[in-house]
PDB file of N, CA and C in Angstrom:
ATOM      1  N   MET A   1     -10.528 -17.706   3.740  1.00  0.00           N
ATOM      2  CA  MET A   1     -11.041 -16.406   3.684  1.00  0.00           C
ATOM      3  C   MET A   1     -12.719 -15.835   4.452  1.00  0.00           C
ATOM      4  N   LYS A   2     -13.484 -16.546   3.846  1.00  0.00           N
ATOM      5  CA  LYS A   2     -14.711 -16.701   4.153  1.00  0.00           C
ATOM      6  C   LYS A   2     -14.654 -16.919   5.777  1.00  0.00           C
ATOM      7  N   ILE A   3     -14.058 -17.991   5.821  1.00  0.00           N
ATOM      8  CA  ILE A   3     -14.237 -18.676   7.475  1.00  0.00           C
ATOM      9  C   ILE A   3     -13.713 -17.516   8.664  1.00  0.00           C
ATOM     10  N   TYR A   4     -12.718 -16.972   8.180  1.00  0.00           N
ATOM     11  CA  TYR A   4     -12.267 -15.881   8.884  1.00  0.00           C
ATOM     12  C   TYR A   4     -13.545 -14.317   9.164  1.00  0.00           C
ATOM     13  N   LEU A   5     -13.868 -14.415   8.056  1.00  0.00           N
ATOM     14  CA  LEU A   5     -14.783 -13.438   7.819  1.00  0.00           C
ATOM     15  C   LEU A   5     -16.006 -13.696   8.939  1.00  0.00           C
ATOM     16  N   GLU A   6     -16.581 -14.577   8.629  1.00  0.00           N
ATOM     17  CA  GLU A   6     -17.410 -15.012   9.291  1.00  0.00           C
ATOM     18  C   GLU A   6     -17.169 -15.532  10.459  1.00  0.00           C
ATOM     19  N   ASN A   7     -15.966 -15.800  11.398  1.00  0.00           N
ATOM     20  CA  ASN A   7     -15.634 -16.145  12.887  1.00  0.00           C
ATOM     21  C   ASN A   7     -15.102 -14.274  13.614  1.00  0.00           C
ATOM     22  N   SER A   8     -14.793 -13.646  12.831  1.00  0.00           N
ATOM     23  CA  SER A   8     -14.617 -12.355  13.390  1.00  0.00           C
ATOM     24  C   SER A   8     -15.737 -11.352  13.297  1.00  0.00           C
ATOM     25  N   SER A   9     -15.567 -10.335  14.318  1.00  0.00           N
ATOM     26  CA  SER A   9     -16.775  -9.599  14.431  1.00  0.00           C
ATOM     27  C   SER A   9     -16.547  -8.381  13.741  1.00  0.00           C
ATOM     28  N   VAL A  10     -17.470  -7.796  13.155  1.00  0.00           N
ATOM     29  CA  VAL A  10     -17.445  -6.551  12.642  1.00  0.00           C
ATOM     30  C   VAL A  10     -16.472  -5.272  13.021  1.00  0.00           C
ATOM     31  N   GLY A  11     -16.496  -5.082  14.290  1.00  0.00           N
ATOM     32  CA  GLY A  11     -15.098  -3.876  14.750  1.00  0.00           C
ATOM     33  C   GLY A  11     -13.852  -4.914  14.144  1.00  0.00           C
ATOM     34  N   ASN A  12     -13.480  -5.893  14.441  1.00  0.00           N
ATOM     35  CA  ASN A  12     -12.384  -6.417  13.796  1.00  0.00           C
ATOM     36  C   ASN A  12     -12.205  -6.377  12.434  1.00  0.00           C
ATOM     37  N   LEU A  13     -13.512  -7.022  11.932  1.00  0.00           N
ATOM     38  CA  LEU A  13     -13.097  -6.457  10.417  1.00  0.00           C
ATOM     39  C   LEU A  13     -12.607  -5.506   9.853  1.00  0.00           C
ATOM     40  N   CYS A  14     -13.599  -4.492   9.973  1.00  0.00           N
ATOM     41  CA  CYS A  14     -13.393  -3.036   9.539  1.00  0.00           C
ATOM     42  C   CYS A  14     -11.744  -2.886  10.025  1.00  0.00           C
ATOM     43  N   PHE A  15     -11.314  -2.739  11.513  1.00  0.00           N
ATOM     44  CA  PHE A  15     -10.203  -2.406  11.705  1.00  0.00           C
ATOM     45  C   PHE A  15      -9.080  -3.260  10.761  1.00  0.00           C
ATOM     46  N   SER A  16      -9.541  -4.983  10.669  1.00  0.00           N
ATOM     47  CA  SER A  16      -7.768  -5.020   9.830  1.00  0.00           C
ATOM     48  C   SER A  16      -8.149  -4.563   8.661  1.00  0.00           C
ATOM     49  N   GLN A  17      -9.530  -4.386   7.592  1.00  0.00           N
ATOM     50  CA  GLN A  17      -9.754  -4.022   6.489  1.00  0.00           C
ATOM     51  C   GLN A  17      -8.838  -2.566   6.090  1.00  0.00           C
ATOM     52  N   SER A  18      -8.997  -1.510   6.981  1.00  0.00           N
ATOM     53  CA  SER A  18      -8.631  -0.236   7.311  1.00  0.00           C
ATOM     54  C   SER A  18      -7.214  -0.561   7.252  1.00  0.00           C
ATOM     55  N   GLN A  19      -6.469  -1.532   8.322  1.00  0.00           N
ATOM     56  CA  GLN A  19      -4.964  -1.934   8.592  1.00  0.00           C
ATOM     57  C   GLN A  19      -4.496  -1.896   6.834  1.00  0.00           C
ATOM     58  N   SER A  20      -5.024  -2.939   6.387  1.00  0.00           N
ATOM     59  CA  SER A  20      -4.736  -3.664   5.058  1.00  0.00           C
ATOM     60  C   SER A  20      -4.041  -2.406   4.167  1.00  0.00           C
ATOM     61  N   LYS A  21      -5.500  -1.576   4.410  1.00  0.00           N
ATOM     62  CA  LYS A  21      -5.701  -0.471   2.733  1.00  0.00           C
ATOM     63  C   LYS A  21      -4.216   0.826   3.310  1.00  0.00           C
ATOM     64  N   ALA A  22      -4.281   0.485   4.739  1.00  0.00           N
ATOM     65  CA  ALA A  22      -3.152   1.613   5.131  1.00  0.00           C
ATOM     66  C   ALA A  22      -1.965   1.262   4.345  1.00  0.00           C
ATOM     67  N   LYS A  23      -1.849  -0.104   5.019  1.00  0.00           N
ATOM     68  CA  LYS A  23      -0.158  -0.667   4.394  1.00  0.00           C
ATOM     69  C   LYS A  23      -0.246  -0.970   3.139  1.00  0.00           C
ATOM     70  N   ILE A  24      -1.415  -0.892   2.168  1.00  0.00           N
ATOM     71  CA  ILE A  24      -1.406  -1.012   0.506  1.00  0.00           C
ATOM     72  C   ILE A  24      -0.761   0.128   0.013  1.00  0.00           C
ATOM     73  N   ARG A  25      -1.969   1.539   0.918  1.00  0.00           N
ATOM     74  CA  ARG A  25      -1.658   2.870   0.482  1.00  0.00           C
ATOM     75  C   ARG A  25      -0.171   3.217   0.496  1.00  0.00           C
ATOM     76  N   ALA A  26       0.768   2.830   1.643  1.00  0.00           N
ATOM     77  CA  ALA A  26       1.993   3.078   2.087  1.00  0.00           C
ATOM     78  C   ALA A  26       2.698   2.638   1.166  1.00  0.00           C
ATOM     79  N   LEU A  27       2.381   1.056   0.634  1.00  0.00           N
ATOM     80  CA  LEU A  27       3.358   0.526  -0.185  1.00  0.00           C
ATOM     81  C   LEU A  27       3.202   0.895  -1.557  1.00  0.00           C
ATOM     82  N   LEU A  28       2.078   1.539  -2.216  1.00  0.00           N
ATOM     83  CA  LEU A  28       2.081   2.316  -3.276  1.00  0.00           C
ATOM     84  C   LEU A  28       2.803   3.467  -3.449  1.00  0.00           C
ATOM     85  N   ASP A  29       2.576   4.281  -2.294  1.00  0.00           N
ATOM     86  CA  ASP A  29       3.636   5.715  -1.909  1.00  0.00           C
ATOM     87  C   ASP A  29       4.513   5.492  -2.281  1.00  0.00           C
ATOM     88  N   LYS A  30       5.343   4.523  -1.659  1.00  0.00           N
ATOM     89  CA  LYS A  30       7.033   4.384  -1.487  1.00  0.00           C
ATOM     90  C   LYS A  30       7.076   3.395  -3.041  1.00  0.00           C
ATOM     91  N   LYS A  31       6.571   2.904  -4.067  1.00  0.00           N
ATOM     92  CA  LYS A  31       6.696   2.574  -5.002  1.00  0.00           C
ATOM     93  C   LYS A  31       6.642   3.895  -6.169  1.00  0.00           C
ATOM     94  N   ILE A  32       5.843   4.685  -5.977  1.00  0.00           N
ATOM     95  CA  ILE A  32       5.239   5.967  -6.822  1.00  0.00           C
ATOM     96  C   ILE A  32       6.657   6.860  -6.283  1.00  0.00           C
ATOM     97  N   LEU A  33       7.064   7.160  -5.379  1.00  0.00           N
ATOM     98  CA  LEU A  33       8.629   7.628  -4.744  1.00  0.00           C
ATOM     99  C   LEU A  33       9.785   7.350  -5.424  1.00  0.00           C
ATOM    100  N   PHE A  34       9.677   5.788  -5.591  1.00  0.00           N
ATOM    101  CA  PHE A  34      10.798   5.414  -6.219  1.00  0.00           C
ATOM    102  C   PHE A  34      10.907   5.282  -7.524  1.00  0.00           C
ATOM    103  N   VAL A  35       9.304   5.192  -8.214  1.00  0.00           N
ATOM    104  CA  VAL A  35       9.746   5.490  -9.587  1.00  0.00           C
ATOM    105  C   VAL A  35      10.024   6.968  -9.911  1.00  0.00           C
ATOM    106  N   LYS A  36       9.610   7.805  -9.203  1.00  0.00           N
ATOM    107  CA  LYS A  36      10.090   9.164  -9.416  1.00  0.00           C
ATOM    108  C   LYS A  36      11.578   9.730  -9.423  1.00  0.00           C
ATOM    109  N   LEU A  37      11.845   8.652  -8.537  1.00  0.00           N
ATOM    110  CA  LEU A  37      13.280   9.446  -8.182  1.00  0.00           C
ATOM    111  C   LEU A  37      14.404   8.468  -9.266  1.00  0.00           C
ATOM    112  N   ILE A  38      13.822   7.471  -9.831  1.00  0.00           N
ATOM    113  CA  ILE A  38      14.843   6.832 -10.944  1.00  0.00           C
ATOM    114  C   ILE A  38      14.240   7.609 -12.237  1.00  0.00           C
ATOM    115  N   SER A  39      13.141   7.790 -12.521  1.00  0.00           N
ATOM    116  CA  SER A  39      13.225   8.933 -13.532  1.00  0.00           C
ATOM    117  C   SER A  39      13.635  10.292 -13.339  1.00  0.00           C
ATOM    118  N   TYR A  40      13.927  10.871 -12.230  1.00  0.00           N
ATOM    119  CA  TYR A  40      14.486  11.971 -11.974  1.00  0.00           C
ATOM    120  C   TYR A  40      16.006  11.678 -12.281  1.00  0.00           C
ATOM    121  N   TRP A  41      16.372  10.913 -12.042  1.00  0.00           N
ATOM    122  CA  TRP A  41      18.002  10.233 -12.028  1.00  0.00           C
ATOM    123  C   TRP A  41      18.212  10.205 -13.189  1.00  0.00           C
ATOM    124  N   GLU A  42      17.689   9.162 -14.325  1.00  0.00           N
ATOM    125  CA  GLU A  42      17.624   9.397 -15.415  1.00  0.00           C
ATOM    126  C   GLU A  42      17.566  10.467 -16.441  1.00  0.00           C
ATOM    127  N   LYS A  43      16.613  11.290 -15.818  1.00  0.00           N
ATOM    128  CA  LYS A  43      16.742  12.733 -16.673  1.00  0.00           C
ATOM    129  C   LYS A  43      17.970  13.802 -16.598  1.00  0.00           C
ATOM    130  N   PHE A  44      18.104  13.504 -15.377  1.00  0.00           N
ATOM    131  CA  PHE A  44      19.663  14.293 -14.863  1.00  0.00           C
ATOM    132  C   PHE A  44      20.627  14.021 -15.777  1.00  0.00           C
ATOM    133  N   ASN A  45      20.851  12.336 -15.277  1.00  0.00           N
ATOM    134  CA  ASN A  45      22.078  11.739 -15.966  1.00  0.00           C
ATOM    135  C   ASN A  45      22.168  11.893 -17.428  1.00  0.00           C
ATOM    136  N   ASN A  46      20.647  11.962 -18.363  1.00  0.00           N
ATOM    137  CA  ASN A  46      20.917  12.003 -19.769  1.00  0.00           C
ATOM    138  C   ASN A  46      21.133  13.461 -20.151  1.00  0.00           C
ATOM    139  N   ASP A  47      20.979  14.718 -19.474  1.00  0.00           N
ATOM    140  CA  ASP A  47      20.863  15.661 -19.482  1.00  0.00           C
ATOM    141  C   ASP A  47      22.578  16.560 -19.396  1.00  0.00           C
TER     142      ASP A  47
END
């Protein structure tokens, strides 16, 4: 990772960091939505 950081330009670094952050955020959003759906489904089935 360090070698990659040293070799890449600042512009590429900022772009790759923001891109990975966006991917992580999208994955978290999907996970949260999935958990909400499951909890709602369980509540719906229990009632």
